[in-house]
């Protein structure tokens, strides 16, 4: 099938199916808005799964579509253009699934991949800790063997959607006395058990899709280690590489729509008459074009530094767009809706995008990686 034919097929299917009960989901969900119509968005994703539109890049033998990189990009672009709601199963489909295909055992693949593809089981990511955010090698959560089970103790933080997840892929220290990258293991842990406690973190937006997760004697089967015990760092880095894949081009379609609507608002309320605003909108457009060119040029490139540059580019651009939205809105941006107290879309964009340069690796960490591993500069002095 040609790329044009595939694009038309995706576009037609979305147009025909984002109707009826699903029509009201257009534009819902996403960062800072994960609470919106959550159950309905799950139903929509299961509808996608039934039609074979989940896990596009997975091999056919693992329940995917075996789509090429270009076909995956086309799907993400058309999905964003259609206004379809943000997905809630991203962590399973885009991160854990590819990780299990690359590093998991045949038994782990048989057990978990069908549930991910059908959106029957939701996953969260247990990486960051209070003392190990961007410095992931400082993980202190432990897992020790007790017969045929691992017993986990420790705390994770900034765990997206932990409050609704069925399972968590957890990076834990399984070799006592080990430090840094050594002695870590990548465990699959059920969330719905007595030894797991989830505490939501209230964000600037007033929502709480991020959480603290406490493991106090939580248990998982001995065989639910992805890769070998002690090899967790390599597997965890593999997961992070999958995180910054083809979906970024679909993300940019959403960015383009935000910029278009903000430009229209600036024209409507007269903000565009201010040369500073006009110049910043032009710079935002230029930055978006640069972002897309970089993403297309590096698509499928796993060279050191590529993912870090991509994260720096989009995170800083999006945070700046939030700041620009406040400038365009003027004094109105300072006050929530007087009747409901709710934030409008631009206030929510501004507040949540402050986190874009922090989660997934801070700007400082991304620059250190580029400096040390790509440019060969001296390592930063660490205490």
Foldseek 3Di string as FASTA:
>chain_A
DDLVVLLVVLLVVLVVPCDDPNVVQFQADDFLGPVPPVVVLLVVLLVCLVVQNALQCDDVVLPHVVDDLSSVLSNLQSCLVSRGHDHQQCCVSQFVLVLCVVFNDPVVSVVPSVCSSNVVFHEKEFFAAPVPALQRQQAAWAWEDDDFKTWTFDKGWQIFQLVPGQKYFHWHAYDPPDGGLWRIWTFIFGQPDDQKDWAFDQFPQRDTRIIMIGGDGGIDGNNRTGHDGGNHSVSVVVSLLSVQASSVSSVLSNVVVLLVVLVVLLVVVVVCVPVVLVVVSVVLVVLSVVLNVLCVVCHVPPDFLSSLVNLVSVLVSQLVVLVSSCSSVDPVLVAADPPPRHHDPSNSSNRSSVCSCPHSHHNVRSVQRCCCVPVVHDHDDDD
